[in-house]
């Protein structure tokens, strides 16, 4: 298979869907010394720890290539999910936190949800590398697209056109970075994600934004499907409004029209 031209394919998707922000390429690195030399690490370039979703925003809006290690992060639930903590039982730690902030009715319900949140093993990866897909110098493990619902619809249509299987989603309203970054990588399938509370508070994710996240190796398939899905009926973005109809007005308009001989 020929090497993917990430700049070209990213521009095809962005232009076709008129995306407001860059698609994000994500790589999980076994060792932090694998981070490229010019990677921006928040603890170094900003002198601050950040959330993972903030790093996604820096990438998709600023166009930065961002590297994250344990020392760059401050979001406890995400650090647990991404294996940057020493928690012996990560699900128990997440459940305890959910109860403490009243995101669960009781410990049993909290644990039930926490066990379904996809996670990386402790110290499984030492770093996360994020770059605008247009600038990616690596083969992504995950690719994310922040988009409005109609744009996500087209991404879903493109995937289903080639794969023939519907796209899944799992919604909890919190720790959603694990859903759009880890899950496509671990499960090798795309996801539609509703960004959570942290995304909206810290990374300024807008009310109209969803995330379509996919495994990196599916990019060719997505671009091909985007060109073909619904082509015979003019399916595209923005969605074309249907105009072949005659409007009906309230009765007073009809009466006046008749009076003036307009109809």
Protein backbone atom coordinates (compact mmCIF):
# COMPACT_ATOMS: atom_id res chain seq x y z
CA UNK A 1 0.00 0.00 0.00
CA UNK A 2 1.31 3.44 -0.88
CA UNK A 3 2.20 5.80 1.95
CA UNK A 4 -0.67 8.07 2.95
CA UNK A 5 -0.25 11.74 2.07
CA UNK A 6 -1.70 13.18 5.28
CA UNK A 7 -1.57 16.78 4.10
CA UNK A 8 -3.54 15.99 0.96
CA UNK A 9 -6.11 13.73 2.60
CA UNK A 10 -6.64 16.09 5.52
CA UNK A 11 -7.29 18.95 3.12
CA UNK A 12 -9.76 16.85 1.13
CA UNK A 13 -11.81 16.14 4.27
CA UNK A 14 -11.50 19.67 5.68
CA UNK A 15 -12.46 21.32 2.40
CA UNK A 16 -15.28 18.90 1.62
CA UNK A 17 -16.85 19.38 5.06
CA UNK A 18 -15.74 22.99 5.58
CA UNK A 19 -14.33 22.09 9.00
CA UNK A 20 -13.57 25.03 11.30
CA UNK A 21 -10.57 23.35 12.97
CA UNK A 22 -7.78 20.97 12.00
CA UNK A 23 -8.32 17.20 12.18
CA UNK A 24 -6.00 15.85 14.89
CA UNK A 25 -3.55 12.96 14.46
CA UNK A 26 -2.70 11.11 17.69
CA UNK A 27 0.14 8.73 18.51
CA UNK A 28 0.67 6.80 21.74
CA UNK A 29 4.38 6.45 22.49
CA UNK A 30 5.94 3.74 24.61
CA UNK A 31 8.78 6.05 25.66
CA UNK A 32 8.77 9.82 26.14
CA UNK A 33 12.10 10.13 24.34
CA UNK A 34 10.25 9.20 21.14
CA UNK A 35 8.66 12.67 21.05
CA UNK A 36 9.94 14.68 18.05
CA UNK A 37 12.48 17.39 18.81
CA UNK A 38 10.23 20.40 18.11
CA UNK A 39 7.21 19.08 19.98
CA UNK A 40 5.61 21.65 22.28
CA UNK A 41 5.28 20.28 25.81
CA UNK A 42 2.98 22.46 27.96
CA UNK A 43 5.09 22.09 31.10
CA UNK A 44 8.06 23.49 29.16
CA UNK A 45 6.64 26.03 26.69
CA UNK A 46 3.87 27.31 28.96
CA UNK A 47 5.28 26.43 32.37
CA UNK A 48 1.92 24.86 33.21
CA UNK A 49 0.21 21.51 33.48
CA UNK A 50 -2.89 21.16 31.30
CA UNK A 51 -5.71 18.77 30.53
CA UNK A 52 -5.56 16.34 27.62
CA UNK A 53 -8.52 18.07 25.99
CA UNK A 54 -6.65 21.40 26.21
CA UNK A 55 -3.82 19.83 24.23
CA UNK A 56 -6.35 18.72 21.62
CA UNK A 57 -7.55 22.33 21.36
CA UNK A 58 -3.99 23.63 21.03
CA UNK A 59 -3.53 21.21 18.16
CA UNK A 60 -6.80 21.67 16.31
CA UNK A 61 -6.98 25.48 16.67
CA UNK A 62 -3.38 26.68 17.06
CA UNK A 63 -1.96 24.07 14.72
CA UNK A 64 0.65 23.04 17.31
CA UNK A 65 2.34 19.68 17.56
CA UNK A 66 1.90 18.87 21.26
CA UNK A 67 3.55 16.25 23.42
CA UNK A 68 2.10 15.08 26.72
CA UNK A 69 3.76 13.14 29.50
CA UNK A 70 2.67 12.66 33.10
CA UNK A 71 4.52 15.88 33.99
CA UNK A 72 2.41 17.89 31.52
CA UNK A 73 -0.98 16.82 32.87
CA UNK A 74 -3.25 17.97 35.67
CA UNK A 75 -6.60 16.23 34.98
CA UNK A 76 -6.88 13.39 37.52
CA UNK A 77 -9.62 11.27 35.87
CA UNK A 78 -7.91 11.47 32.47
CA UNK A 79 -4.54 10.59 34.01
CA UNK A 80 -6.13 7.52 35.57
CA UNK A 81 -7.74 6.50 32.27
CA UNK A 82 -4.56 7.06 30.26
CA UNK A 83 -2.39 5.01 32.62
CA UNK A 84 -0.44 7.93 34.08
CA UNK A 85 -1.41 7.10 37.67
CA UNK A 86 -0.28 4.43 40.13
CA UNK A 87 -3.86 3.39 40.91
CA UNK A 88 -3.96 -0.32 41.69
CA UNK A 89 -7.64 -0.45 40.67
CA UNK A 90 -8.28 2.42 38.21
CA UNK A 91 -12.02 1.76 37.98
CA UNK A 92 -12.33 1.99 41.78
CA UNK A 93 -10.45 5.30 41.79
CA UNK A 94 -12.66 6.73 39.06
CA UNK A 95 -15.79 5.50 40.82
CA UNK A 96 -14.71 7.11 44.09
CA UNK A 97 -14.16 10.38 42.29
CA UNK A 98 -17.54 10.19 40.54
CA UNK A 99 -19.23 9.73 43.91
CA UNK A 100 -17.28 12.56 45.52
CA UNK A 101 -18.37 15.09 42.89
CA UNK A 102 -21.90 13.63 42.69
CA UNK A 103 -21.68 12.32 39.16
CA UNK A 104 -23.13 9.03 40.45
CA UNK A 105 -26.05 8.19 42.70
CA UNK A 106 -24.03 5.69 44.73
CA UNK A 107 -20.76 3.74 44.71
CA UNK A 108 -22.28 0.73 42.97
CA UNK A 109 -23.57 2.81 40.06
CA UNK A 110 -20.31 4.74 39.87
CA UNK A 111 -18.27 1.55 39.64
CA UNK A 112 -20.64 0.12 37.06
CA UNK A 113 -19.96 3.08 34.78
CA UNK A 114 -16.24 3.36 35.56
CA UNK A 115 -15.67 -0.24 34.54
CA UNK A 116 -17.00 0.55 31.05
CA UNK A 117 -14.61 3.46 30.47
CA UNK A 118 -11.86 2.28 28.16
CA UNK A 119 -8.39 2.76 29.64
CA UNK A 120 -4.72 2.21 29.01
CA UNK A 121 -2.73 0.10 31.45
CA UNK A 122 -0.57 1.83 34.01
CA UNK A 123 2.66 3.04 32.35
CA UNK A 124 1.64 1.27 29.11
CA UNK A 125 2.56 4.47 27.25
CA UNK A 126 4.77 7.26 28.55
CA UNK A 127 3.69 9.97 26.13
CA UNK A 128 0.95 11.14 23.77
CA UNK A 129 1.80 12.98 20.58
CA UNK A 130 -0.79 15.20 18.88
CA UNK A 131 -0.42 17.07 15.59
CA UNK A 132 -2.69 18.62 12.98
CA UNK A 133 -3.29 15.84 10.48
CA UNK A 134 -2.00 18.12 7.71
CA UNK A 135 1.38 18.30 9.47
CA UNK A 136 1.63 14.76 10.82
CA UNK A 137 5.05 13.20 10.33
CA UNK A 138 3.89 9.89 11.82
CA UNK A 139 1.26 7.24 11.18
CA UNK A 140 -1.58 8.12 13.60
CA UNK A 141 -3.10 5.62 15.99
CA UNK A 142 -6.24 7.76 16.19
CA UNK A 143 -7.61 10.63 14.12
CA UNK A 144 -10.24 12.99 15.52
CA UNK A 145 -12.54 15.47 13.82
CA UNK A 146 -14.39 18.13 15.82
CA UNK A 147 -17.47 18.99 13.78
CA UNK A 148 -21.11 19.92 13.95
CA UNK A 149 -23.79 17.17 13.78
CA UNK A 150 -24.35 17.51 10.02
CA UNK A 151 -20.62 17.25 9.32
CA UNK A 152 -20.38 14.22 11.61
CA UNK A 153 -23.31 12.70 9.70
CA UNK A 154 -21.26 12.90 6.50
CA UNK A 155 -18.24 11.32 8.17
CA UNK A 156 -20.45 8.50 9.41
CA UNK A 157 -21.98 8.05 5.95
CA UNK A 158 -18.50 7.91 4.44
CA UNK A 159 -17.35 5.21 6.87
CA UNK A 160 -20.49 3.11 6.56
CA UNK A 161 -20.37 3.34 2.75
CA UNK A 162 -17.13 1.36 2.75
CA UNK A 163 -17.40 -0.72 5.93
CA UNK A 164 -21.09 -1.60 5.95
CA UNK A 165 -21.30 -1.43 9.75
CA UNK A 166 -22.91 1.34 11.75
CA UNK A 167 -20.77 3.61 13.93
CA UNK A 168 -21.07 3.22 17.70
CA UNK A 169 -21.11 5.75 20.51
CA UNK A 170 -20.82 5.52 24.29
CA UNK A 171 -21.92 8.49 26.31
CA UNK A 172 -21.26 9.40 29.94
CA UNK A 173 -20.69 13.14 29.83
CA UNK A 174 -17.26 12.90 31.44
CA UNK A 175 -13.76 11.53 30.74
CA UNK A 176 -14.77 11.55 27.08
CA UNK A 177 -11.17 12.10 25.97
CA UNK A 178 -10.71 8.37 26.56
CA UNK A 179 -13.58 7.67 24.18
CA UNK A 180 -12.28 9.75 21.31
CA UNK A 181 -8.56 9.14 21.77
CA UNK A 182 -8.12 5.66 23.26
CA UNK A 183 -11.15 3.71 22.07
CA UNK A 184 -10.63 3.98 18.28
CA UNK A 185 -7.01 2.93 18.83
CA UNK A 186 -7.80 -0.02 21.09
CA UNK A 187 -10.99 -1.21 19.37
CA UNK A 188 -9.91 -0.44 15.78
CA UNK A 189 -13.24 1.11 14.95
CA UNK A 190 -14.69 4.65 14.79
CA UNK A 191 -16.74 6.38 17.45
CA UNK A 192 -19.07 9.36 17.65
CA UNK A 193 -18.48 11.16 20.95
CA UNK A 194 -20.34 13.91 22.80
CA UNK A 195 -17.57 15.97 24.43
CA UNK A 196 -17.81 15.99 28.21
CA UNK A 197 -17.76 18.57 30.97
CA UNK A 198 -13.98 19.00 30.97
CA UNK A 199 -13.92 19.55 27.20
CA UNK A 200 -16.37 22.40 27.57
CA UNK A 201 -14.82 24.05 30.64
CA UNK A 202 -11.12 23.72 29.86
CA UNK A 203 -10.78 23.21 26.11
CA UNK A 204 -13.57 25.58 25.06
CA UNK A 205 -15.39 22.93 23.01
CA UNK A 206 -18.50 24.62 21.63
CA UNK A 207 -22.12 23.60 22.14
CA UNK A 208 -22.52 22.59 18.49
CA UNK A 209 -19.39 20.39 18.36
CA UNK A 210 -19.29 16.60 18.37
CA UNK A 211 -16.26 14.40 17.78
CA UNK A 212 -15.88 11.76 15.10
CA UNK A 213 -12.87 9.64 16.02
CA UNK A 214 -11.41 6.80 13.99
CA UNK A 215 -8.40 4.48 13.84
CA UNK A 216 -5.59 6.02 11.84
CA UNK A 217 -5.40 3.24 9.28
CA UNK A 218 -8.98 3.97 8.17
CA UNK A 219 -8.18 7.35 6.63
CA UNK A 220 -8.05 6.14 3.01
CA UNK A 221 -11.37 4.38 3.47
CA UNK A 222 -12.94 7.52 4.93
CA UNK A 223 -11.78 9.80 2.12
CA UNK A 224 -12.93 7.34 -0.52
CA UNK A 225 -16.32 6.98 1.12
CA UNK A 226 -16.72 10.73 1.47
CA UNK A 227 -16.37 11.09 -2.30
CA UNK A 228 -18.93 8.38 -3.06
CA UNK A 229 -21.52 8.16 -0.27
CA UNK A 230 -24.85 9.50 -1.49
CA UNK A 231 -23.34 10.93 -4.68
CA UNK A 232 -26.36 10.03 -6.84
CA UNK A 233 -28.71 12.09 -4.67
CA UNK A 234 -26.32 15.00 -4.16
CA UNK A 235 -25.49 14.22 -0.54
CA UNK A 236 -22.89 16.72 0.68
CA UNK A 237 -22.18 19.39 3.26
CA UNK A 238 -23.78 21.87 3.68
CA UNK A 239 -26.88 19.77 3.16
CA UNK A 240 -28.88 21.08 0.18
CA UNK A 241 -32.34 22.30 1.14
CA UNK A 242 -35.29 20.95 -0.82
CA UNK A 243 -37.10 23.79 -2.59
CA UNK A 244 -39.48 22.08 -5.03
CA UNK A 245 -42.69 22.90 -3.15
CA UNK A 246 -45.30 25.66 -2.96
CA UNK A 247 -45.53 27.31 0.47
CA UNK A 248 -48.86 27.75 2.25
CA UNK A 249 -49.57 30.97 4.17
CA UNK A 250 -52.10 31.69 6.93
CA UNK A 251 -55.65 32.36 5.76
CA UNK A 252 -55.47 36.19 5.94
CA UNK A 253 -52.74 36.17 3.32
CA UNK A 254 -54.87 33.99 1.04
CA UNK A 255 -57.91 36.25 1.52
CA UNK A 256 -55.88 39.35 0.68
CA UNK A 257 -54.34 37.66 -2.32
CA UNK A 258 -57.75 36.71 -3.64
CA UNK A 259 -59.03 40.24 -3.04
CA UNK A 260 -56.19 41.73 -5.03
CA UNK A 261 -56.51 39.16 -7.79
CA UNK A 262 -53.06 37.74 -7.14
CA UNK A 263 -54.18 34.12 -7.38
